[in-house]
Structure formats: structure tokens, C-alpha cells
Amino acid sequence: MNEIDQIVSEALADFKKVAVLADAEFMAGSIAVEILPKPHKPPGSLPQGKMAVYAFFLNGRALKVGKVGPNSGPRYTSQHYNPNSAPSNLARSILAAPAKTGAAGVDAATIGAWIKRETDRVNLVVPQSLGDPMLSLLESFLHVRWKPMFEGRAGSA
């Protein structure tokens, strides 16, 4: 088991305990885990009837954790690779502070390729039927657990 597999496995084992404590309807096995090691290819689409929490890791350190509902395909597939695609995304955050990630010399034209080449991506895909509160709980738990470098107002990701 590599480092990212272990990070994800341990977090999900603990999240299941959180779901129980929250008295949330949560079926074991309802989270499909996709680990895309570097260099990775972004997902082509968010599966029909699904939602997801996703994360980008650089050398085992979380850079970004986000969530998408069933109607947020571009956020899931492409926006984080292009600094001009949305007001807030991973590419824009890295370009604002390249020294934090070792991305010196990378610009708007090359940041997408850098993210694909240098980061591991984790997708946690869940059925839409679990609902937004459960998706938000998972995302919030992973924010606290993984402490992503680019999060919140200061990180602007």
C-alpha cells in the first residue's frame, strides 16, 4: 500500500466512525475510491447520479479538498487545472504562491500540465442519494484531517 492509499484508507475508516456518531445513514462500501497517481489524467466526467469529494496531493501533502454535487461536472473534471476557468481553483492558488509547492517558473499556460504531472488526485465518489449533508460532512472531515495547503479565504482555492 503506497502513502496516498494509506492516507485515504485511514481517513475513510475514521470517517465511518464519524458517520455513526452523526447518526447518519451511511452504508459501508458506498464510497467508490479512485486514486489517480502522478502523473494523472483528470476524470472525463462525474458519473450520473453521483457526487464526489476530491483532493490533490503533492508528496503526500494535501493541497486542495473540494466537493461537487451531481450538476458540477466542470468543477470535477477541469476547472482546477486552468487558472482562468473559475474565480477560485487549485491552479490559481498555486500561481499565487508558487514557492509553497515548488512550482517556480510555472505560468498560466503550463500550470495544468504541472498539476497533472506533480500531484496525485483522489476522488471519493458517492451516490447522490446520500444527500448534500453527508457530502458536506465528508468534505469537512477531510479538511480537518488533511489540513490542505490551499483552503479557506486565505488559501483561496
N, C-alpha and C. Protein backbone atom coordinates (compact mmCIF):
# COMPACT_ATOMS: atom_id res chain seq x y z
N MET A 1 0.85 -1.17 0.00
CA MET A 1 0.00 0.00 0.00
C MET A 1 0.90 1.24 0.00
N ASN A 2 0.69 2.14 -0.98
CA ASN A 2 1.52 3.34 -1.02
C ASN A 2 1.00 4.40 -0.05
N GLU A 3 1.72 5.51 0.05
CA GLU A 3 1.40 6.54 1.04
C GLU A 3 -0.01 7.11 0.86
N ILE A 4 -0.41 7.42 -0.36
CA ILE A 4 -1.73 8.00 -0.60
C ILE A 4 -2.81 6.98 -0.28
N ASP A 5 -2.61 5.72 -0.69
CA ASP A 5 -3.58 4.67 -0.36
C ASP A 5 -3.79 4.60 1.14
N GLN A 6 -2.71 4.66 1.89
CA GLN A 6 -2.79 4.57 3.34
C GLN A 6 -3.49 5.79 3.94
N ILE A 7 -3.15 6.97 3.46
CA ILE A 7 -3.78 8.21 3.95
C ILE A 7 -5.29 8.13 3.74
N VAL A 8 -5.71 7.71 2.57
CA VAL A 8 -7.14 7.63 2.24
C VAL A 8 -7.82 6.53 3.04
N SER A 9 -7.21 5.37 3.10
CA SER A 9 -7.80 4.24 3.83
C SER A 9 -8.02 4.57 5.30
N GLU A 10 -7.03 5.17 5.93
CA GLU A 10 -7.16 5.52 7.35
C GLU A 10 -8.22 6.60 7.56
N ALA A 11 -8.27 7.58 6.67
CA ALA A 11 -9.26 8.64 6.80
C ALA A 11 -10.68 8.09 6.64
N LEU A 12 -10.88 7.21 5.67
CA LEU A 12 -12.23 6.66 5.46
C LEU A 12 -12.66 5.75 6.61
N ALA A 13 -11.72 5.01 7.18
CA ALA A 13 -12.06 4.18 8.34
C ALA A 13 -12.53 5.06 9.49
N ASP A 14 -11.87 6.17 9.70
CA ASP A 14 -12.28 7.09 10.76
C ASP A 14 -13.56 7.83 10.40
N PHE A 15 -13.74 8.16 9.12
CA PHE A 15 -14.97 8.84 8.72
C PHE A 15 -16.19 7.97 8.98
N LYS A 16 -16.07 6.68 8.80
CA LYS A 16 -17.20 5.79 9.07
C LYS A 16 -17.63 5.90 10.53
N LYS A 17 -16.68 6.10 11.44
CA LYS A 17 -17.00 6.30 12.85
C LYS A 17 -17.72 7.62 13.05
N VAL A 18 -17.28 8.65 12.33
CA VAL A 18 -17.92 9.96 12.41
C VAL A 18 -19.37 9.86 11.93
N ALA A 19 -19.59 9.15 10.84
CA ALA A 19 -20.95 9.00 10.31
C ALA A 19 -21.85 8.30 11.32
N VAL A 20 -21.32 7.30 12.00
CA VAL A 20 -22.10 6.62 13.03
C VAL A 20 -22.43 7.58 14.16
N LEU A 21 -21.44 8.34 14.61
CA LEU A 21 -21.66 9.32 15.68
C LEU A 21 -22.68 10.38 15.28
N ALA A 22 -22.73 10.71 14.00
CA ALA A 22 -23.67 11.70 13.49
C ALA A 22 -25.05 11.09 13.25
N ASP A 23 -25.18 9.80 13.52
CA ASP A 23 -26.44 9.08 13.28
C ASP A 23 -26.88 9.27 11.83
N ALA A 24 -25.89 9.23 10.94
CA ALA A 24 -26.15 9.42 9.51
C ALA A 24 -26.36 8.07 8.83
N GLU A 25 -27.28 8.06 7.89
CA GLU A 25 -27.46 6.85 7.10
C GLU A 25 -26.27 6.73 6.16
N PHE A 26 -25.47 5.74 6.42
CA PHE A 26 -24.24 5.57 5.64
C PHE A 26 -23.97 4.09 5.51
N MET A 27 -23.93 3.63 4.28
CA MET A 27 -23.68 2.22 4.05
C MET A 27 -22.21 2.02 3.73
N ALA A 28 -21.59 1.10 4.44
CA ALA A 28 -20.19 0.78 4.14
C ALA A 28 -20.10 0.37 2.67
N GLY A 29 -19.08 0.81 2.03
CA GLY A 29 -18.92 0.47 0.62
C GLY A 29 -19.61 1.44 -0.32
N SER A 30 -20.28 2.47 0.21
CA SER A 30 -20.97 3.40 -0.68
C SER A 30 -20.02 4.44 -1.28
N ILE A 31 -18.79 4.49 -0.77
CA ILE A 31 -17.79 5.40 -1.32
C ILE A 31 -16.88 4.64 -2.28
N ALA A 32 -16.92 5.06 -3.55
CA ALA A 32 -16.01 4.48 -4.54
C ALA A 32 -14.73 5.31 -4.52
N VAL A 33 -13.62 4.68 -4.24
CA VAL A 33 -12.34 5.37 -4.12
C VAL A 33 -11.57 5.24 -5.42
N GLU A 34 -11.18 6.38 -5.97
CA GLU A 34 -10.35 6.41 -7.18
C GLU A 34 -9.07 7.16 -6.82
N ILE A 35 -7.95 6.49 -6.87
CA ILE A 35 -6.67 7.14 -6.62
C ILE A 35 -5.94 7.22 -7.96
N LEU A 36 -5.69 8.44 -8.38
CA LEU A 36 -5.02 8.69 -9.66
C LEU A 36 -3.61 9.18 -9.34
N PRO A 37 -2.63 8.25 -9.37
CA PRO A 37 -1.26 8.65 -9.04
C PRO A 37 -0.65 9.53 -10.13
N LYS A 38 0.33 10.35 -9.70
CA LYS A 38 1.01 11.21 -10.67
C LYS A 38 1.85 10.36 -11.61
N PRO A 39 1.99 10.75 -12.82
CA PRO A 39 1.19 11.77 -13.48
C PRO A 39 -0.23 11.25 -13.68
N HIS A 40 -1.20 12.10 -13.46
CA HIS A 40 -2.59 11.63 -13.57
C HIS A 40 -3.32 12.31 -14.72
N LYS A 41 -4.38 11.66 -15.11
CA LYS A 41 -5.29 12.21 -16.12
C LYS A 41 -6.58 12.57 -15.39
N PRO A 42 -7.07 13.80 -15.55
CA PRO A 42 -8.31 14.18 -14.88
C PRO A 42 -9.47 13.29 -15.32
N PRO A 43 -10.44 13.11 -14.43
CA PRO A 43 -11.60 12.30 -14.82
C PRO A 43 -12.34 12.97 -15.98
N GLY A 44 -12.92 12.16 -16.85
CA GLY A 44 -13.64 12.68 -18.01
C GLY A 44 -15.01 13.20 -17.68
N SER A 45 -15.61 12.66 -16.61
CA SER A 45 -16.94 13.11 -16.22
C SER A 45 -17.24 12.63 -14.80
N LEU A 46 -18.23 13.25 -14.21
CA LEU A 46 -18.77 12.79 -12.94
C LEU A 46 -19.89 11.82 -13.29
N PRO A 47 -19.82 10.58 -12.81
CA PRO A 47 -20.85 9.61 -13.19
C PRO A 47 -22.27 10.09 -12.84
N GLN A 48 -23.20 9.73 -13.68
CA GLN A 48 -24.61 10.09 -13.50
C GLN A 48 -25.09 9.64 -12.12
N GLY A 49 -25.81 10.51 -11.42
CA GLY A 49 -26.37 10.18 -10.12
C GLY A 49 -25.34 10.13 -8.99
N LYS A 50 -24.17 10.72 -9.24
CA LYS A 50 -23.10 10.68 -8.23
C LYS A 50 -22.69 12.09 -7.82
N MET A 51 -22.04 12.16 -6.67
CA MET A 51 -21.40 13.37 -6.14
C MET A 51 -20.00 12.94 -5.74
N ALA A 52 -19.15 13.89 -5.42
CA ALA A 52 -17.80 13.49 -5.06
C ALA A 52 -17.13 14.50 -4.14
N VAL A 53 -16.19 13.98 -3.37
CA VAL A 53 -15.20 14.79 -2.69
C VAL A 53 -13.89 14.41 -3.36
N TYR A 54 -13.08 15.40 -3.70
CA TYR A 54 -11.83 15.14 -4.40
C TYR A 54 -10.71 15.87 -3.66
N ALA A 55 -9.50 15.40 -3.87
CA ALA A 55 -8.34 16.03 -3.25
C ALA A 55 -7.13 15.89 -4.16
N PHE A 56 -6.25 16.87 -4.06
CA PHE A 56 -4.98 16.85 -4.76
C PHE A 56 -3.88 16.79 -3.71
N PHE A 57 -2.90 15.92 -3.93
CA PHE A 57 -1.78 15.76 -3.00
C PHE A 57 -0.46 15.99 -3.74
N LEU A 58 0.45 16.65 -3.06
CA LEU A 58 1.81 16.85 -3.56
C LEU A 58 2.75 16.24 -2.53
N ASN A 59 3.43 15.18 -2.91
CA ASN A 59 4.36 14.50 -2.00
C ASN A 59 3.71 14.14 -0.66
N GLY A 60 2.48 13.64 -0.72
CA GLY A 60 1.78 13.21 0.48
C GLY A 60 1.10 14.32 1.26
N ARG A 61 1.19 15.55 0.81
CA ARG A 61 0.59 16.71 1.49
C ARG A 61 -0.62 17.17 0.69
N ALA A 62 -1.76 17.29 1.35
CA ALA A 62 -2.97 17.76 0.67
C ALA A 62 -2.81 19.22 0.26
N LEU A 63 -3.13 19.49 -0.98
CA LEU A 63 -3.13 20.87 -1.48
C LEU A 63 -4.55 21.43 -1.47
N LYS A 64 -5.50 20.62 -1.84
CA LYS A 64 -6.88 21.07 -2.03
C LYS A 64 -7.82 19.92 -1.75
N VAL A 65 -8.92 20.19 -1.05
CA VAL A 65 -10.01 19.25 -0.87
C VAL A 65 -11.27 20.00 -1.27
N GLY A 66 -12.08 19.40 -2.12
CA GLY A 66 -13.31 20.05 -2.56
C GLY A 66 -14.41 19.05 -2.75
N LYS A 67 -15.59 19.55 -3.00
CA LYS A 67 -16.74 18.67 -3.24
C LYS A 67 -17.50 19.17 -4.45
N VAL A 68 -18.18 18.25 -5.09
CA VAL A 68 -19.05 18.59 -6.22
C VAL A 68 -20.34 17.81 -6.11
N GLY A 69 -21.42 18.52 -6.41
CA GLY A 69 -22.71 17.87 -6.48
C GLY A 69 -22.91 17.25 -7.85
N PRO A 70 -24.06 16.67 -8.08
CA PRO A 70 -24.30 15.96 -9.34
C PRO A 70 -24.33 16.84 -10.58
N ASN A 71 -24.47 18.15 -10.41
CA ASN A 71 -24.53 19.06 -11.56
C ASN A 71 -23.29 19.93 -11.70
N SER A 72 -22.17 19.48 -11.15
CA SER A 72 -20.95 20.28 -11.16
C SER A 72 -19.82 19.61 -11.93
N GLY A 73 -20.14 19.07 -13.08
CA GLY A 73 -19.16 18.34 -13.87
C GLY A 73 -17.86 19.08 -14.14
N PRO A 74 -17.92 20.34 -14.66
CA PRO A 74 -16.66 21.05 -14.96
C PRO A 74 -15.79 21.28 -13.71
N ARG A 75 -16.41 21.50 -12.57
CA ARG A 75 -15.62 21.70 -11.35
C ARG A 75 -14.83 20.43 -11.05
N TYR A 76 -15.44 19.30 -11.31
CA TYR A 76 -14.82 18.00 -11.03
C TYR A 76 -13.77 17.63 -12.06
N THR A 77 -14.01 17.95 -13.31
CA THR A 77 -13.14 17.44 -14.38
C THR A 77 -12.04 18.39 -14.83
N SER A 78 -12.28 19.70 -14.83
CA SER A 78 -11.31 20.58 -15.49
C SER A 78 -10.96 21.89 -14.80
N GLN A 79 -11.84 22.46 -14.01
CA GLN A 79 -11.61 23.83 -13.52
C GLN A 79 -10.34 24.00 -12.69
N HIS A 80 -9.93 22.98 -11.95
CA HIS A 80 -8.76 23.14 -11.08
C HIS A 80 -7.43 23.14 -11.85
N TYR A 81 -7.47 22.83 -13.14
CA TYR A 81 -6.27 22.77 -13.96
C TYR A 81 -6.05 24.06 -14.76
N ASN A 82 -7.03 24.95 -14.76
CA ASN A 82 -6.98 26.16 -15.57
C ASN A 82 -7.26 27.37 -14.68
N PRO A 83 -6.28 28.24 -14.48
CA PRO A 83 -6.47 29.36 -13.56
C PRO A 83 -7.56 30.35 -13.99
N ASN A 84 -7.92 30.34 -15.26
CA ASN A 84 -8.93 31.27 -15.77
C ASN A 84 -10.32 30.66 -15.86
N SER A 85 -10.50 29.44 -15.37
CA SER A 85 -11.78 28.75 -15.53
C SER A 85 -12.81 29.11 -14.48
N ALA A 86 -12.36 29.57 -13.33
CA ALA A 86 -13.29 29.90 -12.23
C ALA A 86 -12.56 30.86 -11.30
N PRO A 87 -13.31 31.64 -10.53
CA PRO A 87 -12.67 32.60 -9.63
C PRO A 87 -11.75 31.95 -8.59
N SER A 88 -12.04 30.72 -8.24
CA SER A 88 -11.27 30.03 -7.22
C SER A 88 -10.97 28.61 -7.69
N ASN A 89 -9.68 28.27 -7.80
CA ASN A 89 -9.31 26.91 -8.19
C ASN A 89 -7.87 26.64 -7.80
N LEU A 90 -7.46 25.38 -7.87
CA LEU A 90 -6.12 24.99 -7.46
C LEU A 90 -5.05 25.67 -8.31
N ALA A 91 -5.23 25.72 -9.60
CA ALA A 91 -4.24 26.34 -10.49
C ALA A 91 -3.97 27.78 -10.08
N ARG A 92 -5.02 28.53 -9.85
CA ARG A 92 -4.89 29.94 -9.46
C ARG A 92 -4.16 30.07 -8.12
N SER A 93 -4.49 29.19 -7.19
CA SER A 93 -3.84 29.23 -5.88
C SER A 93 -2.35 28.95 -5.97
N ILE A 94 -1.98 27.95 -6.77
CA ILE A 94 -0.56 27.62 -6.94
C ILE A 94 0.18 28.78 -7.59
N LEU A 95 -0.41 29.39 -8.60
CA LEU A 95 0.24 30.51 -9.29
C LEU A 95 0.41 31.72 -8.37
N ALA A 96 -0.48 31.87 -7.40
CA ALA A 96 -0.38 33.00 -6.46
C ALA A 96 0.74 32.79 -5.44
N ALA A 97 1.12 31.54 -5.22
CA ALA A 97 2.17 31.23 -4.23
C ALA A 97 3.00 30.04 -4.70
N PRO A 98 3.70 30.17 -5.83
CA PRO A 98 4.41 29.02 -6.41
C PRO A 98 5.50 28.44 -5.51
N ALA A 99 6.10 29.24 -4.67
CA ALA A 99 7.17 28.74 -3.80
C ALA A 99 6.65 27.71 -2.79
N LYS A 100 5.37 27.81 -2.44
CA LYS A 100 4.79 26.86 -1.47
C LYS A 100 4.78 25.43 -2.01
N THR A 101 4.76 25.30 -3.33
CA THR A 101 4.65 23.97 -3.95
C THR A 101 5.87 23.59 -4.79
N GLY A 102 6.81 24.49 -4.93
CA GLY A 102 7.95 24.21 -5.79
C GLY A 102 7.62 24.39 -7.25
N ALA A 103 6.60 25.19 -7.55
CA ALA A 103 6.16 25.39 -8.93
C ALA A 103 6.76 26.65 -9.55
N ALA A 104 7.93 27.04 -9.11
CA ALA A 104 8.58 28.23 -9.65
C ALA A 104 8.76 28.09 -11.16
N GLY A 105 8.50 29.15 -11.88
CA GLY A 105 8.67 29.13 -13.33
C GLY A 105 7.44 28.65 -14.08
N VAL A 106 6.44 28.17 -13.36
CA VAL A 106 5.20 27.72 -14.00
C VAL A 106 4.31 28.93 -14.21
N ASP A 107 3.61 28.97 -15.33
CA ASP A 107 2.71 30.09 -15.60
C ASP A 107 1.32 29.58 -15.95
N ALA A 108 0.44 30.50 -16.31
CA ALA A 108 -0.95 30.13 -16.60
C ALA A 108 -1.06 29.10 -17.72
N ALA A 109 -0.14 29.14 -18.66
CA ALA A 109 -0.18 28.21 -19.79
C ALA A 109 0.30 26.81 -19.42
N THR A 110 1.13 26.71 -18.38
CA THR A 110 1.73 25.41 -18.05
C THR A 110 1.28 24.82 -16.71
N ILE A 111 0.51 25.57 -15.93
CA ILE A 111 0.12 25.08 -14.60
C ILE A 111 -0.73 23.81 -14.67
N GLY A 112 -1.60 23.69 -15.63
CA GLY A 112 -2.44 22.49 -15.74
C GLY A 112 -1.59 21.24 -15.93
N ALA A 113 -0.61 21.33 -16.81
CA ALA A 113 0.29 20.18 -17.04
C ALA A 113 1.11 19.90 -15.79
N TRP A 114 1.52 20.94 -15.08
CA TRP A 114 2.28 20.76 -13.83
C TRP A 114 1.45 20.01 -12.80
N ILE A 115 0.18 20.41 -12.63
CA ILE A 115 -0.70 19.74 -11.66
C ILE A 115 -0.85 18.26 -12.01
N LYS A 116 -1.07 17.97 -13.28
CA LYS A 116 -1.23 16.57 -13.71
C LYS A 116 0.05 15.77 -13.49
N ARG A 117 1.19 16.39 -13.74
CA ARG A 117 2.48 15.71 -13.64
C ARG A 117 2.95 15.54 -12.19
N GLU A 118 2.68 16.52 -11.33
CA GLU A 118 3.26 16.55 -10.00
C GLU A 118 2.34 16.11 -8.86
N THR A 119 1.05 16.05 -9.10
CA THR A 119 0.14 15.73 -7.99
C THR A 119 -0.58 14.41 -8.19
N ASP A 120 -0.91 13.81 -7.06
CA ASP A 120 -1.80 12.65 -7.03
C ASP A 120 -3.20 13.21 -6.79
N ARG A 121 -4.18 12.59 -7.40
CA ARG A 121 -5.56 13.03 -7.22
C ARG A 121 -6.36 11.88 -6.61
N VAL A 122 -7.20 12.22 -5.66
CA VAL A 122 -8.08 11.25 -5.02
C VAL A 122 -9.52 11.68 -5.27
N ASN A 123 -10.34 10.78 -5.77
CA ASN A 123 -11.77 11.03 -5.96
C ASN A 123 -12.54 10.05 -5.09
N LEU A 124 -13.41 10.58 -4.27
CA LEU A 124 -14.28 9.77 -3.43
C LEU A 124 -15.70 10.00 -3.96
N VAL A 125 -16.19 9.04 -4.71
CA VAL A 125 -17.45 9.18 -5.43
C VAL A 125 -18.55 8.48 -4.64
N VAL A 126 -19.64 9.23 -4.40
CA VAL A 126 -20.73 8.71 -3.59
C VAL A 126 -22.06 8.87 -4.32
N PRO A 127 -23.03 8.02 -3.99
CA PRO A 127 -24.34 8.16 -4.62
C PRO A 127 -25.01 9.47 -4.21
N GLN A 128 -25.69 10.07 -5.15
CA GLN A 128 -26.45 11.30 -4.88
C GLN A 128 -27.46 11.08 -3.76
N SER A 129 -27.95 9.87 -3.63
CA SER A 129 -28.96 9.56 -2.63
C SER A 129 -28.48 9.77 -1.19
N LEU A 130 -27.16 9.82 -0.98
CA LEU A 130 -26.66 10.09 0.37
C LEU A 130 -26.97 11.51 0.80
N GLY A 131 -27.14 12.41 -0.16
CA GLY A 131 -27.52 13.78 0.14
C GLY A 131 -26.35 14.71 0.41
N ASP A 132 -26.63 16.00 0.25
CA ASP A 132 -25.60 17.02 0.44
C ASP A 132 -25.07 17.09 1.86
N PRO A 133 -25.90 16.91 2.91
CA PRO A 133 -25.33 16.95 4.26
C PRO A 133 -24.22 15.90 4.47
N MET A 134 -24.40 14.71 3.93
CA MET A 134 -23.37 13.67 4.08
C MET A 134 -22.13 14.04 3.26
N LEU A 135 -22.32 14.58 2.07
CA LEU A 135 -21.20 15.02 1.24
C LEU A 135 -20.42 16.13 1.96
N SER A 136 -21.15 17.08 2.53
CA SER A 136 -20.51 18.17 3.27
C SER A 136 -19.78 17.67 4.50
N LEU A 137 -20.35 16.67 5.18
CA LEU A 137 -19.70 16.09 6.35
C LEU A 137 -18.37 15.44 5.95
N LEU A 138 -18.38 14.69 4.87
CA LEU A 138 -17.16 14.05 4.38
C LEU A 138 -16.11 15.10 4.01
N GLU A 139 -16.52 16.12 3.27
CA GLU A 139 -15.57 17.17 2.89
C GLU A 139 -15.01 17.87 4.12
N SER A 140 -15.87 18.24 5.05
CA SER A 140 -15.41 18.94 6.26
C SER A 140 -14.46 18.07 7.08
N PHE A 141 -14.80 16.79 7.21
CA PHE A 141 -13.93 15.87 7.94
C PHE A 141 -12.54 15.82 7.31
N LEU A 142 -12.50 15.75 5.98
CA LEU A 142 -11.20 15.67 5.29
C LEU A 142 -10.43 16.99 5.35
N HIS A 143 -11.14 18.11 5.39
CA HIS A 143 -10.45 19.40 5.59
C HIS A 143 -9.72 19.39 6.92
N VAL A 144 -10.40 18.96 7.96
CA VAL A 144 -9.80 18.93 9.29
C VAL A 144 -8.69 17.89 9.34
N ARG A 145 -8.93 16.73 8.77
CA ARG A 145 -7.98 15.62 8.82
C ARG A 145 -6.70 15.91 8.03
N TRP A 146 -6.87 16.37 6.79
CA TRP A 146 -5.74 16.51 5.89
C TRP A 146 -5.13 17.92 5.87
N LYS A 147 -5.80 18.90 6.43
CA LYS A 147 -5.29 20.28 6.51
C LYS A 147 -4.68 20.76 5.18
N PRO A 148 -5.49 20.84 4.14
CA PRO A 148 -4.96 21.23 2.83
C PRO A 148 -4.28 22.60 2.84
N MET A 149 -3.22 22.69 2.08
CA MET A 149 -2.42 23.90 1.98
C MET A 149 -3.25 25.08 1.47
N PHE A 150 -4.10 24.82 0.48
CA PHE A 150 -4.91 25.88 -0.13
C PHE A 150 -6.37 25.67 0.20
N GLU A 151 -6.81 26.25 1.29
CA GLU A 151 -8.21 26.16 1.67
C GLU A 151 -8.64 27.44 2.34
N GLY A 152 -9.94 27.66 2.34
CA GLY A 152 -10.49 28.81 3.03
C GLY A 152 -10.16 30.11 2.32
N ARG A 153 -10.51 31.21 2.94
CA ARG A 153 -10.31 32.54 2.34
C ARG A 153 -8.83 32.84 2.10
N ALA A 154 -8.00 32.49 3.05
CA ALA A 154 -6.57 32.79 2.89
C ALA A 154 -5.94 31.97 1.78
N GLY A 155 -6.38 30.71 1.62
CA GLY A 155 -5.82 29.86 0.58
C GLY A 155 -6.45 30.09 -0.77
N SER A 156 -7.64 30.64 -0.78
CA SER A 156 -8.40 30.97 -1.98
C SER A 156 -8.39 29.88 -3.04
N ALA A 157 -8.62 28.66 -2.62
CA ALA A 157 -8.75 27.58 -3.59
C ALA A 157 -10.16 27.10 -3.58
